[in-house]
N, C-alpha and C. Protein backbone atom coordinates (compact mmCIF):
# COMPACT_ATOMS: atom_id res chain seq x y z
N MET A 1 29.08 8.01 -8.55
CA MET A 1 28.48 9.29 -8.89
C MET A 1 27.02 9.27 -8.45
N THR A 2 26.56 10.36 -7.91
CA THR A 2 25.18 10.52 -7.48
C THR A 2 24.37 11.17 -8.59
N THR A 3 23.21 10.61 -8.87
CA THR A 3 22.29 11.19 -9.84
C THR A 3 21.07 11.69 -9.09
N ILE A 4 20.67 12.91 -9.38
CA ILE A 4 19.51 13.50 -8.74
C ILE A 4 18.44 13.76 -9.81
N TYR A 5 17.23 13.29 -9.53
CA TYR A 5 16.10 13.53 -10.42
C TYR A 5 15.18 14.54 -9.76
N LEU A 6 14.83 15.60 -10.47
CA LEU A 6 13.89 16.59 -9.98
C LEU A 6 12.61 16.44 -10.77
N MET A 7 11.51 16.33 -10.06
CA MET A 7 10.23 16.15 -10.74
C MET A 7 9.20 17.09 -10.15
N ARG A 8 8.27 17.46 -10.96
CA ARG A 8 7.14 18.28 -10.55
C ARG A 8 5.90 17.42 -10.68
N HIS A 9 4.87 17.75 -9.93
CA HIS A 9 3.63 17.00 -10.04
C HIS A 9 3.05 17.15 -11.44
N GLY A 10 2.18 16.23 -11.80
CA GLY A 10 1.47 16.33 -13.07
C GLY A 10 0.40 17.40 -13.00
N GLN A 11 -0.27 17.62 -14.10
CA GLN A 11 -1.30 18.66 -14.17
C GLN A 11 -2.42 18.43 -13.15
N THR A 12 -2.80 19.50 -12.46
CA THR A 12 -3.90 19.44 -11.51
C THR A 12 -5.05 20.32 -12.01
N TYR A 13 -6.20 20.19 -11.34
CA TYR A 13 -7.33 21.05 -11.70
C TYR A 13 -7.03 22.52 -11.42
N PHE A 14 -6.29 22.80 -10.35
CA PHE A 14 -5.92 24.19 -10.07
C PHE A 14 -5.05 24.75 -11.20
N ASN A 15 -4.20 23.92 -11.80
CA ASN A 15 -3.41 24.38 -12.94
C ASN A 15 -4.35 24.82 -14.07
N LEU A 16 -5.37 24.02 -14.33
CA LEU A 16 -6.31 24.36 -15.41
C LEU A 16 -7.07 25.64 -15.12
N TRP A 17 -7.40 25.85 -13.84
CA TRP A 17 -8.21 27.00 -13.45
C TRP A 17 -7.34 28.22 -13.12
N HIS A 18 -6.02 28.10 -13.31
CA HIS A 18 -5.08 29.20 -13.05
C HIS A 18 -5.18 29.68 -11.60
N LYS A 19 -5.32 28.74 -10.68
CA LYS A 19 -5.38 29.06 -9.25
C LYS A 19 -4.04 28.73 -8.60
N ILE A 20 -3.69 29.50 -7.59
CA ILE A 20 -2.47 29.26 -6.83
C ILE A 20 -2.71 28.05 -5.93
N GLN A 21 -1.75 27.17 -5.90
CA GLN A 21 -1.87 26.00 -5.03
C GLN A 21 -0.62 25.88 -4.19
N GLY A 22 -0.68 25.05 -3.22
CA GLY A 22 0.46 24.86 -2.32
C GLY A 22 -0.02 24.48 -0.94
N GLY A 23 -0.97 25.22 -0.43
CA GLY A 23 -1.52 24.92 0.89
C GLY A 23 -2.75 24.04 0.82
N VAL A 24 -3.24 23.80 -0.39
CA VAL A 24 -4.44 23.00 -0.60
C VAL A 24 -4.14 21.94 -1.64
N ASP A 25 -4.62 20.73 -1.39
CA ASP A 25 -4.45 19.67 -2.39
C ASP A 25 -5.42 19.88 -3.53
N SER A 26 -4.96 19.67 -4.73
CA SER A 26 -5.81 19.69 -5.91
C SER A 26 -5.56 18.39 -6.65
N SER A 27 -6.61 17.70 -6.98
CA SER A 27 -6.49 16.39 -7.64
C SER A 27 -5.84 16.52 -9.01
N LEU A 28 -5.16 15.46 -9.40
CA LEU A 28 -4.61 15.41 -10.75
C LEU A 28 -5.72 15.26 -11.76
N THR A 29 -5.54 15.89 -12.90
CA THR A 29 -6.46 15.69 -14.02
C THR A 29 -6.12 14.36 -14.67
N GLU A 30 -6.91 13.96 -15.65
CA GLU A 30 -6.60 12.73 -16.39
C GLU A 30 -5.23 12.84 -17.05
N LYS A 31 -4.92 14.03 -17.58
CA LYS A 31 -3.60 14.26 -18.17
C LYS A 31 -2.50 14.10 -17.12
N GLY A 32 -2.72 14.65 -15.91
CA GLY A 32 -1.74 14.53 -14.84
C GLY A 32 -1.51 13.09 -14.42
N ILE A 33 -2.58 12.32 -14.36
CA ILE A 33 -2.47 10.90 -14.02
C ILE A 33 -1.68 10.17 -15.10
N ASN A 34 -1.98 10.45 -16.36
CA ASN A 34 -1.26 9.80 -17.46
C ASN A 34 0.22 10.17 -17.46
N LEU A 35 0.54 11.43 -17.14
CA LEU A 35 1.95 11.84 -17.06
C LEU A 35 2.68 11.08 -15.95
N ALA A 36 2.02 10.91 -14.81
CA ALA A 36 2.64 10.17 -13.70
C ALA A 36 2.89 8.72 -14.10
N LYS A 37 1.92 8.11 -14.76
CA LYS A 37 2.09 6.72 -15.21
C LYS A 37 3.22 6.61 -16.24
N GLU A 38 3.31 7.60 -17.12
CA GLU A 38 4.37 7.62 -18.13
C GLU A 38 5.75 7.68 -17.47
N MET A 39 5.88 8.51 -16.44
CA MET A 39 7.16 8.60 -15.74
C MET A 39 7.48 7.28 -15.03
N GLY A 40 6.48 6.65 -14.45
CA GLY A 40 6.68 5.35 -13.82
C GLY A 40 7.19 4.32 -14.81
N ARG A 41 6.59 4.30 -16.00
CA ARG A 41 7.05 3.37 -17.05
C ARG A 41 8.49 3.69 -17.45
N TYR A 42 8.81 4.99 -17.58
CA TYR A 42 10.17 5.39 -17.95
C TYR A 42 11.18 4.86 -16.94
N PHE A 43 10.91 5.06 -15.66
CA PHE A 43 11.83 4.59 -14.63
C PHE A 43 11.95 3.07 -14.66
N ASN A 44 10.85 2.37 -14.83
CA ASN A 44 10.89 0.91 -14.90
C ASN A 44 11.66 0.42 -16.12
N GLU A 45 11.37 0.98 -17.29
CA GLU A 45 12.01 0.56 -18.52
C GLU A 45 13.52 0.83 -18.52
N ASN A 46 13.93 1.86 -17.78
CA ASN A 46 15.35 2.21 -17.73
C ASN A 46 16.03 1.72 -16.45
N ASN A 47 15.32 0.83 -15.74
CA ASN A 47 15.86 0.20 -14.54
C ASN A 47 16.39 1.23 -13.54
N ILE A 48 15.62 2.30 -13.35
CA ILE A 48 15.99 3.37 -12.43
C ILE A 48 15.29 3.12 -11.10
N HIS A 49 16.08 3.02 -10.05
CA HIS A 49 15.56 2.79 -8.71
C HIS A 49 16.09 3.88 -7.79
N PHE A 50 15.37 4.15 -6.73
CA PHE A 50 15.75 5.23 -5.82
C PHE A 50 16.10 4.69 -4.45
N ASP A 51 17.18 5.20 -3.90
CA ASP A 51 17.55 4.89 -2.52
C ASP A 51 16.81 5.80 -1.55
N LYS A 52 16.56 7.03 -1.98
CA LYS A 52 15.89 8.02 -1.15
C LYS A 52 14.98 8.88 -2.02
N ALA A 53 13.92 9.37 -1.42
CA ALA A 53 13.03 10.31 -2.10
C ALA A 53 12.63 11.40 -1.12
N TYR A 54 12.58 12.61 -1.57
CA TYR A 54 12.21 13.75 -0.75
C TYR A 54 11.07 14.49 -1.43
N ALA A 55 10.18 15.02 -0.63
CA ALA A 55 9.06 15.79 -1.17
C ALA A 55 8.80 16.98 -0.27
N SER A 56 8.32 18.05 -0.86
CA SER A 56 7.95 19.20 -0.03
C SER A 56 6.67 18.86 0.72
N THR A 57 6.49 19.51 1.84
CA THR A 57 5.30 19.24 2.65
C THR A 57 4.18 20.18 2.24
N ALA A 58 2.96 19.71 2.39
CA ALA A 58 1.81 20.57 2.15
C ALA A 58 1.60 21.42 3.40
N LEU A 59 1.22 22.65 3.22
CA LEU A 59 1.00 23.55 4.35
C LEU A 59 -0.33 23.31 4.99
């Protein structure tokens, strides 16, 4: 069976400022960085590994 994980980026400064993003990179906030680390720990603790990863491209 194939398992697919869908993830969104963590909080960015544009999220805080209610700005549209997509074509411009916006750095993660401290909260966004902590969320990313938390997900990394979750995957490690649950022995989840990926054969493939896909990401949308920045414009």
